Amino acid sequence: MTNVLKAIKGMNDILPGSVPRKDKLPDSALWQWFETTVRSVLGRYGYQYLLTPIVEPTALFVRGLGEVTDIVEKEMYSFTDAMNGDQLTLRPEATAGIVRAMVEHNALYNGPLRLWTLGPMFRHERPQKGRYRQFNQLDVEALGFAGPDVDAELILMVRRLWQELGLVVGQHVRLELNSLGQPTERQAHREALIAYFEAHAEQLDEDARRRLHSNPLRILDTKNPALQALVEAAPSLMDFLGAETLGHFNAVRAALDAAGLAYRINPRLVRGMDYYNLTVFEWVTDHLGSQGTVCGGGRYDGLFEQLGGKPTPAVGFGLGIERLLLLIQELALPVPAVSPTAYAVVADPASLPQVLVTLEALRAAGIAVQMHASGGGIKAQFKKADASGAAFALVFGADELAQGMVAVKPLRDAAAAQSLKPLADVATWAHELRNA
C-alpha cells in the first residue's frame, strides 16, 4: 500500500455515508440535501443559476480583489499556461468571475439579474477544520440594483435559508452589519487611519507595517491579539460617513428591524476584498472555534467599472459549504435521510429479466427502487433492505412470480401487513407506495 496515491492535503473527497472515514467530513447525502434546499429557497426569490470557469486570468483577481489583499498576496494558485504563456489562476472566489462574465456577454442589457452559483474555490493556506485549500462555496449576486431594499432582501433570504436548514438565528448563528461608505469617505478615513497608526508605529506587527500605506483598512481585520486594543481605539469609518451613505445604511437597518431580524453593528467589519462599499455583513457562529464566519458579503458598486464594464450597482454574498455543514453536524441538527422508497429482494437470479421490467416501470412512475445485486440468500437480502432505509421490500419470490405478483412488505411499520401487487398494473400500486 506504500504506492497508493492520495488526495492533495487540504482537498477532500465527499463520499457516501456508507463509506467509513476518520475525518468526520460531511457525507454526500448532507451535500445533496443542502443543495436541494438552496435551489428551493433561491428559486422563491427569483434567482437564476449560472456557471463560470474554474480557471480565470490572474489579472481578474489582482484587479478585482486588490493587490494587497491576503488572497492575492499569499493564497492564489497561479500558473503560466504552457501553450501561450498566459497567467492563469484557479478561482479563489466567485464574484469577480461572475462580473467578468456579465461584462463580457453584456448580460445586463435587458435589465438587472439575480444570480447564483455553487462550486469549488481554491486558496493555498494551512488546512484546518472548516478551512481547506479546495473548498466549495455558494455564491449569490443581485446585479443592477442600487437600493437598500435589495441589500435587506438578500440578508433576509439568508435567514430563510438558515430556517429551512434548522439553524436558529441568535442561538446558532447571528448577524453582524456595517457600512464601508463610498470611496471619498473611505479616503478620508484612510488618511486618518494612516496618521493614527503612524503615531503608534512601534506597536505594529510586520504585517500591519507592510499594509500601513497600501491598505490600512485591512489592519482593522488583524487576527493578532496584541493589536486588538490598538485597533479598537482607531478612528471609526462611521464618523466619516455622509448623509447619503447613512441614509442607505439606515434604510437597510429599518427593513431588518421591521422583519424582526436582530443584528449587531460591527464598525470593524471590513471583509477580505477591496471591492466592497456601503453595506457589508457577516453571519457568524460560536460553535466552530476560530472559523466563526459561515457567510459574508455586501455591496460592491464599483467592481463592474473596475473590470472594464459600465458603472453597475451590485450586492451579493458567499457561503462556505463545508464550514456550514460542519456546523450542522456539530449541532446534531436533524437531517432528512436519503433512502429509496423500496428495495427489491430477488430470490432467483433467473427471474432477473422479469424483475428488471417491473423495477423500470416503478422508476418511470417516480419510485426510487434499489435492486439487490450479485446474489445472496433471502435473509441476507432482507438485512440489506433494512439497512438501506427503504420503506418497503419488494419480494420477487418464485410463488409470487408464478402468480404474476410481487410481495410488498412494509419495513418500518411492524403492524402493517404484507400484500401482493400485480406485475401487470405497476402504475396503480406505484401511486400507493409514493403516498404511503
Protein backbone atom coordinates (compact mmCIF):
# COMPACT_ATOMS: atom_id res chain seq x y z
CA MET A 1 0.00 0.00 0.00
CA THR A 2 3.03 2.34 0.06
CA ASN A 3 2.47 3.34 -3.58
CA VAL A 4 -1.18 4.36 -3.14
CA LEU A 5 -1.80 7.89 -4.39
CA LYS A 6 -3.71 10.18 -2.04
CA ALA A 7 -5.63 13.42 -2.39
CA ILE A 8 -3.68 16.66 -2.05
CA LYS A 9 -3.56 17.96 1.50
CA GLY A 10 -6.49 20.29 2.10
CA MET A 11 -8.50 18.89 -0.82
CA ASN A 12 -11.10 16.36 0.28
CA ASP A 13 -13.27 13.61 -1.17
CA ILE A 14 -17.00 13.89 -0.50
CA LEU A 15 -18.15 10.29 -0.01
CA PRO A 16 -21.46 8.50 0.68
CA GLY A 17 -22.29 7.97 4.34
CA SER A 18 -21.95 4.22 3.87
CA VAL A 19 -18.18 4.68 3.40
CA PRO A 20 -16.39 4.77 6.79
CA ARG A 21 -13.89 7.60 7.25
CA LYS A 22 -11.94 9.07 10.15
CA ASP A 23 -12.07 12.78 9.31
CA LYS A 24 -15.80 13.22 10.03
CA LEU A 25 -16.31 15.39 6.95
CA PRO A 26 -19.95 15.77 5.81
CA ASP A 27 -21.11 12.93 3.57
CA SER A 28 -22.60 13.34 0.12
CA ALA A 29 -26.21 12.90 1.33
CA LEU A 30 -25.82 16.01 3.50
CA TRP A 31 -24.48 17.90 0.49
CA GLN A 32 -27.42 16.80 -1.65
CA TRP A 33 -29.89 17.92 0.99
CA PHE A 34 -28.16 21.29 1.28
CA GLU A 35 -28.14 21.82 -2.50
CA THR A 36 -31.81 20.86 -2.79
CA THR A 37 -32.70 23.32 -0.03
CA VAL A 38 -30.65 26.08 -1.68
CA ARG A 39 -32.39 25.57 -5.04
CA SER A 40 -35.78 25.73 -3.35
CA VAL A 41 -35.07 28.88 -1.32
CA LEU A 42 -33.30 30.86 -4.06
CA GLY A 43 -35.96 29.91 -6.59
CA ARG A 44 -38.60 31.52 -4.38
CA TYR A 45 -36.69 34.81 -4.53
CA GLY A 46 -36.28 34.77 -8.32
CA TYR A 47 -32.58 33.86 -8.53
CA GLN A 48 -31.27 32.10 -11.64
CA TYR A 49 -28.41 29.59 -11.84
CA LEU A 50 -25.18 30.15 -13.79
CA LEU A 51 -21.75 28.55 -14.11
CA THR A 52 -18.39 30.22 -14.73
CA PRO A 53 -14.95 28.64 -15.37
CA ILE A 54 -12.80 27.42 -12.51
CA VAL A 55 -9.70 28.90 -14.22
CA GLU A 56 -9.61 32.65 -14.92
CA PRO A 57 -6.94 35.20 -15.95
CA THR A 58 -4.79 36.09 -12.95
CA ALA A 59 -5.31 39.79 -13.73
CA LEU A 60 -9.04 39.40 -12.99
CA PHE A 61 -8.36 38.75 -9.31
CA VAL A 62 -5.45 41.18 -8.97
CA ARG A 63 -7.60 43.97 -10.39
CA GLY A 64 -10.84 42.86 -8.76
CA LEU A 65 -9.77 41.81 -5.26
CA GLY A 66 -6.86 44.19 -4.73
CA GLU A 67 -3.10 43.62 -4.96
CA VAL A 68 -2.54 43.89 -1.20
CA THR A 69 -5.28 41.53 -0.05
CA ASP A 70 -4.26 38.27 1.64
CA ILE A 71 -5.89 36.30 -1.18
CA VAL A 72 -3.82 37.88 -3.96
CA GLU A 73 -0.60 38.20 -1.98
CA LYS A 74 -0.49 34.76 -0.36
CA GLU A 75 -3.28 32.36 -1.25
CA MET A 76 -3.89 32.11 -5.01
CA TYR A 77 -3.00 29.04 -7.06
CA SER A 78 -1.49 30.73 -10.12
CA PHE A 79 0.47 29.29 -13.03
CA THR A 80 1.69 30.04 -16.54
CA ASP A 81 -0.17 28.41 -19.42
CA ALA A 82 2.44 26.25 -21.19
CA MET A 83 0.68 26.75 -24.53
CA ASN A 84 0.69 30.56 -24.76
CA GLY A 85 2.32 31.98 -21.64
CA ASP A 86 -0.91 33.41 -20.21
CA GLN A 87 -1.00 33.95 -16.44
CA LEU A 88 -3.90 31.90 -15.07
CA THR A 89 -5.37 31.30 -11.60
CA LEU A 90 -7.69 28.75 -10.02
CA ARG A 91 -10.54 30.94 -8.81
CA PRO A 92 -10.22 31.86 -5.08
CA GLU A 93 -13.78 33.28 -5.04
CA ALA A 94 -16.72 33.57 -7.43
CA THR A 95 -17.81 37.22 -7.59
CA ALA A 96 -15.04 38.54 -9.84
CA GLY A 97 -15.65 35.75 -12.37
CA ILE A 98 -19.40 36.42 -12.41
CA VAL A 99 -18.84 40.13 -13.00
CA ARG A 100 -16.34 39.31 -15.76
CA ALA A 101 -18.97 37.10 -17.43
CA MET A 102 -21.64 39.82 -17.15
CA VAL A 103 -19.35 42.41 -18.75
CA GLU A 104 -18.08 40.06 -21.46
CA HIS A 105 -21.57 38.97 -22.54
CA ASN A 106 -23.33 42.31 -21.90
CA ALA A 107 -25.65 40.20 -19.77
CA LEU A 108 -27.43 43.12 -18.10
CA TYR A 109 -28.53 44.68 -21.41
CA ASN A 110 -32.15 43.75 -20.75
CA GLY A 111 -32.09 44.77 -17.10
CA PRO A 112 -30.91 43.65 -13.65
CA LEU A 113 -30.31 40.00 -12.81
CA ARG A 114 -30.46 37.87 -9.67
CA LEU A 115 -27.94 35.03 -10.00
CA TRP A 116 -26.39 32.20 -8.01
CA THR A 117 -23.75 29.55 -8.49
CA LEU A 118 -22.16 26.79 -6.46
CA GLY A 119 -18.82 25.08 -6.84
CA PRO A 120 -15.16 24.69 -5.84
CA MET A 121 -12.79 27.58 -4.99
CA PHE A 122 -9.05 27.34 -4.28
CA ARG A 123 -6.80 29.07 -1.77
CA HIS A 124 -3.32 27.99 -0.75
CA GLU A 125 -3.47 28.19 3.03
CA ARG A 126 -2.85 25.98 6.03
CA PRO A 127 -5.60 23.34 6.13
CA GLN A 128 -7.59 23.05 9.34
CA LYS A 129 -11.12 22.16 10.36
CA GLY A 130 -13.51 24.23 8.27
CA ARG A 131 -10.68 25.78 6.21
CA TYR A 132 -9.42 23.89 3.15
CA ARG A 133 -7.32 24.51 0.04
CA GLN A 134 -10.17 23.39 -2.17
CA PHE A 135 -13.45 24.46 -0.64
CA ASN A 136 -16.96 24.78 -2.01
CA GLN A 137 -18.95 27.95 -1.93
CA LEU A 138 -22.49 29.09 -2.58
CA ASP A 139 -22.32 32.48 -4.26
CA VAL A 140 -25.39 34.72 -4.70
CA GLU A 141 -25.42 38.06 -6.56
CA ALA A 142 -28.07 40.73 -7.26
CA LEU A 143 -26.72 42.80 -10.16
CA GLY A 144 -28.06 46.16 -11.34
CA PHE A 145 -29.99 47.00 -8.16
CA ALA A 146 -28.92 50.18 -6.33
CA GLY A 147 -31.37 50.42 -3.47
CA PRO A 148 -31.09 49.31 0.15
CA ASP A 149 -34.21 47.16 -0.37
CA VAL A 150 -32.19 44.51 -2.21
CA ASP A 151 -29.46 44.60 0.45
CA ALA A 152 -32.11 43.83 3.07
CA GLU A 153 -33.86 41.21 0.95
CA LEU A 154 -30.56 39.40 0.39
CA ILE A 155 -29.86 39.27 4.14
CA LEU A 156 -33.41 38.10 4.87
CA MET A 157 -33.03 35.41 2.20
CA VAL A 158 -30.04 34.04 4.13
CA ARG A 159 -32.20 33.98 7.26
CA ARG A 160 -34.79 31.98 5.31
CA LEU A 161 -32.07 29.51 4.30
CA TRP A 162 -30.97 29.13 7.95
CA GLN A 163 -34.56 28.43 8.98
CA GLU A 164 -35.01 25.72 6.36
CA LEU A 165 -31.70 24.12 7.34
CA GLY A 166 -32.77 24.04 11.01
CA LEU A 167 -30.38 26.75 12.26
CA VAL A 168 -31.77 29.12 14.90
CA VAL A 169 -30.84 32.78 14.39
CA GLY A 170 -29.49 34.24 17.63
CA GLN A 171 -28.67 30.81 19.02
CA HIS A 172 -26.69 29.03 16.29
CA VAL A 173 -25.82 31.98 14.03
CA ARG A 174 -26.01 35.75 14.38
CA LEU A 175 -25.78 38.72 12.02
CA GLU A 176 -23.13 41.46 12.10
CA LEU A 177 -23.57 44.58 9.98
CA ASN A 178 -21.51 47.60 8.89
CA SER A 179 -21.23 50.21 6.19
CA LEU A 180 -17.95 50.83 4.35
CA GLY A 181 -19.26 54.05 2.82
CA GLN A 182 -18.20 55.43 -0.55
CA PRO A 183 -14.66 55.91 -1.95
CA THR A 184 -14.32 59.57 -0.91
CA GLU A 185 -15.46 58.75 2.63
CA ARG A 186 -13.09 55.81 2.83
CA GLN A 187 -10.24 58.00 1.55
CA ALA A 188 -10.77 60.47 4.40
CA HIS A 189 -10.94 57.59 6.86
CA ARG A 190 -7.85 56.03 5.27
CA GLU A 191 -5.82 59.20 5.84
CA ALA A 192 -6.96 59.32 9.46
CA LEU A 193 -6.01 55.66 9.94
CA ILE A 194 -2.54 56.17 8.49
CA ALA A 195 -1.93 59.14 10.78
CA TYR A 196 -3.20 57.15 13.78
CA PHE A 197 -1.13 54.03 13.10
CA GLU A 198 1.97 56.08 12.25
CA ALA A 199 1.68 57.63 15.69
CA HIS A 200 1.72 54.09 17.17
CA ALA A 201 4.15 52.51 14.70
CA GLU A 202 6.18 50.86 17.45
CA GLN A 203 3.15 48.71 18.37
CA LEU A 204 2.51 47.41 14.84
CA ASP A 205 3.49 43.90 13.77
CA GLU A 206 5.30 43.22 10.49
CA ASP A 207 2.08 42.59 8.54
CA ALA A 208 0.48 45.83 9.77
CA ARG A 209 3.60 47.88 8.95
CA ARG A 210 3.62 46.43 5.44
CA ARG A 211 0.00 47.42 4.92
CA LEU A 212 0.15 50.82 6.62
CA HIS A 213 0.35 52.87 3.42
CA SER A 214 -1.00 50.37 0.88
CA ASN A 215 -4.19 49.19 2.63
CA PRO A 216 -4.53 50.42 6.24
CA LEU A 217 -8.18 49.34 6.40
CA ARG A 218 -7.03 45.73 6.39
CA ILE A 219 -5.11 46.35 9.64
CA LEU A 220 -8.52 46.60 11.33
CA ASP A 221 -9.12 42.96 10.36
CA THR A 222 -5.94 41.70 12.07
CA LYS A 223 -6.12 38.44 13.98
CA ASN A 224 -3.13 39.38 16.15
CA PRO A 225 -4.37 39.57 19.79
CA ALA A 226 -1.60 42.01 20.63
CA LEU A 227 -3.08 44.59 18.25
CA GLN A 228 -6.70 44.36 19.35
CA ALA A 229 -6.62 47.25 21.85
CA LEU A 230 -4.85 49.47 19.31
CA VAL A 231 -7.38 48.60 16.62
CA GLU A 232 -10.34 49.20 18.92
CA ALA A 233 -9.14 52.76 19.57
CA ALA A 234 -8.53 53.54 15.89
CA PRO A 235 -10.67 56.14 14.03
CA SER A 236 -14.05 54.70 13.07
CA LEU A 237 -15.31 54.86 9.49
CA MET A 238 -18.79 55.65 10.82
CA ASP A 239 -17.52 59.10 11.82
CA PHE A 240 -16.67 59.85 8.17
CA LEU A 241 -19.92 58.74 6.53
CA GLY A 242 -22.08 61.37 4.83
CA ALA A 243 -25.85 61.80 4.89
CA GLU A 244 -26.50 59.77 1.71
CA THR A 245 -24.44 56.81 2.91
CA LEU A 246 -26.03 56.87 6.35
CA GLY A 247 -29.45 57.08 4.71
CA HIS A 248 -28.74 53.89 2.74
CA PHE A 249 -27.46 52.10 5.84
CA ASN A 250 -30.36 53.23 7.99
CA ALA A 251 -32.85 52.06 5.33
CA VAL A 252 -31.28 48.58 5.42
CA ARG A 253 -31.49 48.59 9.20
CA ALA A 254 -35.12 49.74 9.16
CA ALA A 255 -36.08 46.85 6.83
CA LEU A 256 -34.30 44.30 9.04
CA ASP A 257 -35.91 45.80 12.16
CA ALA A 258 -39.35 45.56 10.56
CA ALA A 259 -38.69 41.90 9.70
CA GLY A 260 -37.71 41.18 13.30
CA LEU A 261 -34.10 40.24 12.48
CA ALA A 262 -31.66 41.11 15.25
CA TYR A 263 -28.13 42.22 14.33
CA ARG A 264 -25.03 43.81 15.82
CA ILE A 265 -23.35 46.81 14.20
CA ASN A 266 -19.65 45.95 14.00
CA PRO A 267 -17.63 49.02 12.93
CA ARG A 268 -14.52 46.83 12.45
CA LEU A 269 -16.21 44.57 9.89
CA VAL A 270 -14.30 45.18 6.63
CA ARG A 271 -14.43 41.85 4.70
CA GLY A 272 -11.43 40.44 2.82
CA MET A 273 -11.73 42.02 -0.64
CA ASP A 274 -11.15 45.62 -1.72
CA TYR A 275 -14.24 45.83 -3.93
CA TYR A 276 -16.85 46.33 -1.16
CA ASN A 277 -18.69 49.62 -0.46
CA LEU A 278 -21.75 50.64 1.58
CA THR A 279 -23.46 47.63 3.23
CA VAL A 280 -21.30 44.71 4.40
CA PHE A 281 -22.44 41.84 6.59
CA GLU A 282 -21.35 38.54 8.10
CA TRP A 283 -23.25 35.65 9.64
CA VAL A 284 -21.08 34.22 12.43
CA THR A 285 -21.23 31.34 14.89
CA ASP A 286 -19.58 30.46 18.20
CA HIS A 287 -19.81 26.71 17.56
CA LEU A 288 -16.83 26.25 15.18
CA GLY A 289 -13.94 27.66 17.16
CA SER A 290 -11.83 30.21 15.28
CA GLN A 291 -13.64 29.57 11.98
CA GLY A 292 -16.64 31.60 13.05
CA THR A 293 -17.77 33.21 9.78
CA VAL A 294 -20.11 30.97 7.77
CA CYS A 295 -21.49 33.56 5.34
CA GLY A 296 -20.44 37.06 4.35
CA GLY A 297 -20.93 39.67 1.68
CA GLY A 298 -22.13 43.13 0.87
CA ARG A 299 -22.39 45.78 -1.81
CA TYR A 300 -19.70 46.30 -4.48
CA ASP A 301 -20.95 49.04 -6.79
CA GLY A 302 -17.53 49.82 -8.29
CA LEU A 303 -16.43 46.35 -9.41
CA PHE A 304 -18.07 46.36 -12.86
CA GLU A 305 -16.27 49.56 -13.84
CA GLN A 306 -13.07 48.27 -12.27
CA LEU A 307 -13.22 45.24 -14.59
CA GLY A 308 -13.91 47.24 -17.75
CA GLY A 309 -17.71 47.44 -17.66
CA LYS A 310 -20.20 50.27 -17.23
CA PRO A 311 -20.90 51.54 -13.70
CA THR A 312 -23.31 48.97 -12.24
CA PRO A 313 -24.63 48.62 -8.68
CA ALA A 314 -24.29 45.13 -7.22
CA VAL A 315 -24.63 43.25 -3.94
CA GLY A 316 -24.05 39.61 -3.01
CA PHE A 317 -22.65 37.07 -0.58
CA GLY A 318 -20.58 33.91 -0.37
CA LEU A 319 -21.29 30.95 1.91
CA GLY A 320 -18.68 28.31 2.75
CA ILE A 321 -20.45 24.99 2.31
CA GLU A 322 -18.02 22.73 4.19
CA ARG A 323 -18.00 25.08 7.15
CA LEU A 324 -21.79 25.31 7.22
CA LEU A 325 -22.25 21.54 7.01
CA LEU A 326 -19.70 21.05 9.79
CA LEU A 327 -21.79 23.44 11.88
CA ILE A 328 -24.94 21.39 11.18
CA GLN A 329 -23.06 18.24 12.22
CA GLU A 330 -21.64 19.93 15.32
CA LEU A 331 -25.14 20.93 16.42
CA ALA A 332 -26.54 17.45 15.59
CA LEU A 333 -29.43 19.04 13.70
CA PRO A 334 -31.99 16.65 12.18
CA VAL A 335 -31.31 15.99 8.51
CA PRO A 336 -33.77 14.15 6.23
CA ALA A 337 -32.49 10.71 5.28
CA VAL A 338 -31.84 10.00 1.61
CA SER A 339 -33.28 6.50 1.19
CA PRO A 340 -35.00 4.56 -1.58
CA THR A 341 -38.74 4.01 -1.31
CA ALA A 342 -38.32 0.30 -1.96
CA TYR A 343 -35.65 -2.39 -2.01
CA ALA A 344 -36.01 -5.32 -4.42
CA VAL A 345 -35.32 -8.77 -2.92
CA VAL A 346 -34.68 -11.28 -5.75
CA ALA A 347 -34.96 -14.93 -4.72
CA ASP A 348 -33.82 -16.49 -8.03
CA PRO A 349 -31.32 -14.76 -10.35
CA ALA A 350 -33.07 -16.48 -13.30
CA SER A 351 -36.08 -14.20 -12.72
CA LEU A 352 -33.96 -11.09 -13.19
CA PRO A 353 -35.35 -10.11 -16.65
CA GLN A 354 -38.91 -10.04 -15.29
CA VAL A 355 -37.76 -8.21 -12.13
CA LEU A 356 -35.94 -5.52 -14.11
CA VAL A 357 -39.02 -4.82 -16.26
CA THR A 358 -41.06 -4.24 -13.08
CA LEU A 359 -38.42 -2.05 -11.46
CA GLU A 360 -38.10 0.11 -14.58
CA ALA A 361 -41.87 0.59 -14.60
CA LEU A 362 -41.74 1.68 -10.94
CA ARG A 363 -38.92 4.13 -11.64
CA ALA A 364 -40.83 5.53 -14.61
CA ALA A 365 -43.68 6.17 -12.14
CA GLY A 366 -41.32 8.17 -9.91
CA ILE A 367 -40.48 5.50 -7.31
CA ALA A 368 -36.88 5.19 -6.08
CA VAL A 369 -36.05 1.47 -6.05
CA GLN A 370 -32.74 -0.14 -5.16
CA MET A 371 -32.20 -3.63 -6.52
CA HIS A 372 -30.20 -6.24 -4.66
CA ALA A 373 -27.39 -7.39 -6.93
CA SER A 374 -24.84 -10.23 -7.06
CA GLY A 375 -26.98 -12.90 -5.40
CA GLY A 376 -27.16 -13.89 -1.76
CA GLY A 377 -29.75 -15.61 0.41
CA ILE A 378 -33.13 -14.12 1.27
CA LYS A 379 -32.11 -13.45 4.89
CA ALA A 380 -29.01 -11.53 3.81
CA GLN A 381 -31.03 -9.57 1.25
CA PHE A 382 -33.60 -8.53 3.85
CA LYS A 383 -30.76 -7.35 6.07
CA LYS A 384 -29.52 -5.17 3.21
CA ALA A 385 -33.06 -3.94 2.56
CA ASP A 386 -33.41 -2.85 6.18
CA ALA A 387 -30.01 -1.12 6.16
CA SER A 388 -30.93 0.82 3.01
CA GLY A 389 -33.59 2.76 4.89
CA ALA A 390 -36.25 1.74 2.37
CA ALA A 391 -39.88 1.85 3.49
CA PHE A 392 -40.76 -1.36 1.62
CA ALA A 393 -39.18 -4.60 0.46
CA LEU A 394 -40.39 -5.89 -2.92
CA VAL A 395 -40.08 -9.66 -2.68
CA PHE A 396 -39.79 -11.36 -6.06
CA GLY A 397 -40.19 -14.99 -4.93
CA ALA A 398 -40.93 -17.97 -7.16
CA ASP A 399 -44.51 -18.37 -5.88
CA GLU A 400 -45.31 -14.68 -6.30
CA LEU A 401 -43.87 -14.53 -9.82
CA ALA A 402 -45.78 -17.65 -10.83
CA GLN A 403 -48.99 -15.73 -9.98
CA GLY A 404 -47.80 -12.60 -11.81
CA MET A 405 -47.40 -10.88 -8.47
CA VAL A 406 -44.77 -9.27 -6.22
CA ALA A 407 -44.99 -9.21 -2.42
CA VAL A 408 -44.79 -5.72 -0.88
CA LYS A 409 -43.55 -5.92 2.71
CA PRO A 410 -43.51 -2.78 4.92
CA LEU A 411 -40.14 -2.45 6.68
CA ARG A 412 -40.79 0.50 9.02
CA ASP A 413 -44.26 -0.40 10.35
CA ALA A 414 -44.36 -3.72 12.20
CA ALA A 415 -48.15 -3.61 12.41
CA ALA A 416 -48.66 -3.21 8.65
CA ALA A 417 -49.45 -6.35 6.67
CA GLN A 418 -47.62 -7.68 3.63
CA SER A 419 -49.65 -7.53 0.40
CA LEU A 420 -49.47 -8.88 -3.16
CA LYS A 421 -49.41 -6.49 -6.11
CA PRO A 422 -49.91 -7.35 -9.83
CA LEU A 423 -46.90 -7.01 -12.12
CA ALA A 424 -49.22 -6.11 -14.98
CA ASP A 425 -50.53 -2.95 -13.26
CA VAL A 426 -47.49 -1.32 -11.72
CA ALA A 427 -48.73 2.25 -12.21
CA THR A 428 -51.71 1.72 -9.87
CA TRP A 429 -49.84 0.45 -6.85
CA ALA A 430 -46.81 2.67 -7.51
CA HIS A 431 -49.12 5.52 -6.51
CA GLU A 432 -49.81 3.71 -3.22
CA LEU A 433 -46.08 3.37 -2.49
CA ARG A 434 -45.44 7.01 -3.27
CA ASN A 435 -48.13 8.20 -0.88
CA ALA A 436 -47.64 5.65 1.89
